[in-house]
């Protein structure tokens, strides 16, 4: 016949369980916030890079295009579909629907076609003088991003350890 063993846990056990439950409820949101901050420096580099890009073709003068592209650069962090991990994305959006191709055009050697100053009677083909604005800038930030995310994970580990 099997023997039953009863174990009585002391108050420190209950306190540890309660602390871990508190950490468990806030940890996913905390990690997402911290990951966003870890990736933000790369997004800021992309914003600065877009302000310095030169474009060939099109009319002379300034349209404010670079500032509009830079304004739309952001970071999105969230759980993966299966909820077993998290992702981050550095993105850019444009306020005007007819300008959504511009960020991609700034990144590709082929550039983009557009009517200058909204005049649809004339179309120009613009190309960046140094394509890869976003992809190269973000790729150059890869080591910093990895280091920053590793720091976030280590702080999360410390948070869990301190709760127990």
Foldseek 3Di string as FASTA:
>chain_A
DDDDDDDDDDPVVVQLVVLLVVCVVCVVVLLQVLLQVLLVVLLLLLLVLLVPWDKPKDDDDDDCLSVQFSVFWGKDKDADPVNPGIDMDTDGAGPDPVCRCQVVLQQDQQRDKDDPPPPVVDIMGMHIPDHRSNVVSSVVCVVSSVVSSVVSVVVSVVSSVVSD
